[in-house]
Protein backbone atom coordinates (compact mmCIF):
# COMPACT_ATOMS: atom_id res chain seq x y z
CA MET A 1 139.63 15.60 -142.35
CA THR A 2 136.49 16.47 -140.42
CA VAL A 3 133.05 17.01 -141.90
CA PHE A 4 131.39 20.25 -140.84
CA ALA A 5 127.74 21.22 -141.11
CA VAL A 6 127.66 24.96 -141.72
CA GLU A 7 124.38 26.77 -141.28
CA TYR A 8 123.96 30.15 -142.93
CA ARG A 9 121.14 32.31 -141.58
CA TYR A 10 120.39 35.18 -143.92
CA ALA A 11 120.09 38.76 -142.69
CA ALA A 12 116.66 40.36 -142.80
CA ASN A 13 115.88 42.15 -146.05
CA SER A 14 118.92 40.68 -147.81
CA ALA A 15 117.09 38.85 -150.61
CA ALA A 16 117.93 41.41 -153.31
CA VAL A 17 121.63 41.43 -152.37
CA ARG A 18 121.70 37.62 -152.28
CA ASP A 19 120.11 37.52 -155.73
CA GLU A 20 122.81 39.88 -156.99
CA TYR A 21 125.72 37.91 -155.49
CA ARG A 22 124.35 34.34 -155.81
CA PRO A 23 126.37 33.60 -158.98
CA ALA A 24 129.58 34.73 -157.25
CA HIS A 25 128.64 32.77 -154.10
CA ARG A 26 128.11 29.59 -156.13
CA GLU A 27 131.34 30.12 -158.04
CA PHE A 28 133.15 30.58 -154.72
CA LEU A 29 131.72 27.29 -153.40
CA SER A 30 132.46 25.43 -156.65
CA GLY A 31 136.14 26.09 -156.00
CA PHE A 32 135.93 23.52 -153.20
CA ILE A 33 134.60 20.67 -155.32
CA GLY A 34 137.02 17.79 -155.83
CA GLU A 35 139.29 15.71 -153.71
CA GLY A 36 142.70 16.86 -152.58
CA ALA A 37 141.75 20.41 -151.64
CA ALA A 38 142.30 21.73 -148.11
CA ILE A 39 138.54 22.29 -147.96
CA GLU A 40 136.12 20.07 -149.86
CA LEU A 41 132.46 20.85 -150.56
CA ILE A 42 130.26 17.79 -150.08
CA ALA A 43 126.88 19.47 -150.64
CA SER A 44 125.14 22.81 -150.20
CA GLY A 45 121.80 24.40 -150.78
CA PRO A 46 119.14 26.71 -149.37
CA TYR A 47 116.44 25.66 -146.95
CA THR A 48 113.06 25.51 -148.60
CA GLU A 49 111.01 26.56 -145.56
CA SER A 50 113.25 29.16 -143.88
CA ASP A 51 115.71 31.91 -144.69
CA GLY A 52 119.02 30.10 -144.63
CA ALA A 53 121.16 27.36 -146.11
CA LEU A 54 123.16 24.30 -145.16
CA LEU A 55 126.68 23.61 -146.40
CA LEU A 56 128.49 20.33 -145.76
CA LEU A 57 132.25 20.67 -146.07
CA ARG A 58 135.37 18.75 -145.10
CA ALA A 59 138.30 20.61 -143.62
CA GLU A 60 141.28 20.04 -141.35
CA GLY A 61 139.74 22.21 -138.65
CA GLU A 62 137.03 24.70 -137.81
CA ALA A 63 139.37 27.72 -137.62
CA ALA A 64 140.65 27.16 -141.17
CA LEU A 65 137.12 26.64 -142.46
CA ARG A 66 135.81 29.75 -140.72
CA GLU A 67 138.66 31.81 -142.19
CA VAL A 68 137.90 30.61 -145.73
CA LEU A 69 134.16 31.23 -145.37
CA GLN A 70 134.91 34.87 -144.54
CA GLN A 71 135.73 35.20 -148.25
CA ASP A 72 132.28 34.02 -149.39
CA PRO A 73 130.62 36.84 -151.37
CA PHE A 74 127.49 36.35 -149.24
CA ASN A 75 129.58 37.16 -146.16
CA ILE A 76 131.52 40.00 -147.77
CA HIS A 77 128.32 41.74 -148.89
CA GLY A 78 126.50 41.46 -145.56
CA THR A 79 123.81 38.93 -146.42
CA LEU A 80 124.55 36.65 -143.45
CA GLU A 81 123.06 37.23 -140.01
CA SER A 82 124.93 34.27 -138.57
CA VAL A 83 127.14 31.33 -139.45
CA VAL A 84 127.00 28.27 -137.19
CA ILE A 85 129.64 25.59 -137.69
CA ASN A 86 129.39 22.14 -136.13
CA ALA A 87 131.62 19.12 -136.60
CA TRP A 88 129.46 16.28 -137.91
CA ASN A 89 130.07 12.56 -138.31
CA PRO A 90 127.78 11.02 -140.99
CA VAL A 91 127.95 7.39 -139.84
CA THR A 92 124.98 6.03 -141.82
CA GLY A 93 123.37 6.76 -145.16
CA ALA A 94 124.60 8.13 -148.47
CA LEU A 95 127.25 10.37 -146.87
CA SER A 96 128.72 7.69 -144.60
CA ALA A 97 131.81 7.48 -146.82
CA PHE A 98 132.79 10.81 -145.26
CA ALA A 99 132.61 9.49 -141.66
CA SER A 100 135.66 10.04 -139.50
C-alpha cells in the first residue's frame, strides 16, 4: 500500500458549515483507523496557521482514495475548495514504518 499526503484547503466562508459537520467528518475518518482496511488513516488534523488540513492515509492507489474521500461530509457539504493528493514515502522518523 502507498502512503498519501492529502491536503484539504477549505472554501472561503465555510467555517460555520465545517463546525456543523466536523463531528461527522471525524466519524467518517475514524472508520479508516486500524490495519487490514482498504484505506488506513495514519494521522490527520487541521493546520494551525492556515485554512486547511493534512491527512496521511494508506491506500492501494490514488483513484480509490479519491473516490472514498468524495464521501467525506466536508466534501459533500461544500467546505472544500481543493483536495491535493500526493504519494509520499516517509523514509525517516516516526512514520518510517509506513515507508514503501
